[in-house]
Protein backbone atom coordinates (compact mmCIF):
# COMPACT_ATOMS: atom_id res chain seq x y z
CA ARG A 1 36.18 46.15 -0.72
CA GLU A 2 38.68 48.54 -2.11
CA SER A 3 40.95 47.95 0.65
CA ARG A 4 40.68 44.32 0.68
CA SER A 5 41.74 44.27 -3.01
CA PHE A 6 44.57 46.45 -2.29
CA CYS A 7 45.77 44.22 0.56
CA GLN A 8 45.36 41.14 -1.66
CA ALA A 9 47.52 42.96 -4.30
CA TRP A 10 50.23 43.53 -1.82
CA TYR A 11 50.19 40.03 -0.68
CA VAL A 12 50.57 38.73 -4.21
CA PHE A 13 53.35 41.21 -4.70
CA CYS A 14 55.16 40.10 -1.71
CA TRP A 15 55.09 36.50 -2.73
CA ALA A 16 56.36 37.47 -6.14
CA LEU A 17 59.29 39.18 -4.55
CA LEU A 18 59.96 36.34 -2.18
CA ILE A 19 59.87 33.72 -5.11
CA SER A 20 62.17 36.05 -7.16
CA LEU A 21 64.56 36.14 -4.31
CA ALA A 22 64.83 32.52 -3.95
CA SER A 23 65.09 32.03 -7.79
CA GLN A 24 67.92 34.72 -7.96
CA CYS A 25 69.87 33.17 -5.25
CA ALA A 26 69.43 29.79 -6.63
CA ALA A 27 70.63 31.00 -9.95
CA GLY A 28 73.64 32.45 -8.39
CA VAL A 29 74.31 29.24 -6.62
CA ALA A 30 73.95 27.31 -9.93
CA LEU A 31 76.48 29.71 -11.63
CA SER A 32 78.91 29.29 -8.92
CA ARG A 33 78.58 25.44 -8.87
CA VAL A 34 78.88 25.44 -12.71
CA HIS A 35 82.14 27.36 -12.36
CA ALA A 36 83.50 25.08 -9.62
CA ARG A 37 82.74 21.92 -11.60
CA ALA A 38 84.33 23.23 -14.81
CA VAL A 39 87.39 24.12 -12.68
CA ASP A 40 87.57 20.69 -11.28
CA TYR A 41 86.99 18.96 -14.52
CA LEU A 42 89.54 21.25 -16.62
CA GLY A 43 91.94 22.24 -13.77
CA ASP A 44 92.04 25.64 -14.90
CA ARG A 45 90.58 28.40 -12.66
CA ARG A 46 90.41 31.09 -15.28
CA VAL A 47 88.33 28.99 -17.81
CA PHE A 48 85.12 31.03 -17.53
CA SER A 49 87.03 34.22 -17.50
CA ARG A 50 88.59 33.33 -20.99
CA VAL A 51 85.21 32.54 -22.34
CA VAL A 52 82.94 35.33 -20.99
CA GLY A 53 85.89 37.90 -20.32
CA GLY A 54 86.05 39.81 -16.93
CA SER A 55 82.48 39.97 -16.70
CA TRP A 56 82.21 36.43 -15.02
CA PRO A 57 82.54 37.97 -11.43
CA LEU A 58 79.98 40.49 -12.20
CA LEU A 59 77.56 38.03 -13.60
CA THR A 60 77.79 35.92 -10.58
CA GLY A 61 77.88 38.74 -8.00
CA GLY A 62 75.23 40.63 -9.74
CA THR A 63 72.95 37.50 -9.60
CA PHE A 64 73.46 37.38 -5.86
CA GLY A 65 73.07 41.11 -5.51
CA VAL A 66 69.62 41.18 -7.22
CA GLY A 67 68.32 38.51 -5.16
CA LEU A 68 69.44 40.33 -2.03
CA GLY A 69 68.11 43.60 -3.23
CA LEU A 70 64.71 41.67 -3.91
CA GLY A 71 64.89 40.36 -0.31
CA LEU A 72 65.56 43.81 1.03
CA CYS A 73 62.61 45.36 -0.95
CA SER A 74 60.27 42.52 0.23
CA ALA A 75 61.33 42.95 3.82
CA LEU A 76 60.77 46.67 3.75
CA ILE A 77 57.36 46.05 2.34
CA VAL A 78 56.38 43.20 4.84
CA PHE A 79 57.87 44.98 7.90
CA ASP A 80 56.71 48.56 7.15
CA ASP A 81 55.34 50.54 10.25
CA PRO A 82 52.86 52.85 8.80
CA GLY A 83 52.11 54.24 12.29
């Protein structure tokens, strides 16, 4: 009974990681699309850099990086070889 509960907890944890991975990647794509649309509308590539400073590439890259890190973490759990 205890091992079944443990397996079920890992299963839920893996799904939570995969959903977080998809959400983080979607957020990164959304941020980059907002930037692209603002550039198209205003004609200024540095429009977001002036508003949020130099942290705009860090924000977008960090969002993608967290998504990739979550994917790596879930892959390490799913494809773990205990033997």
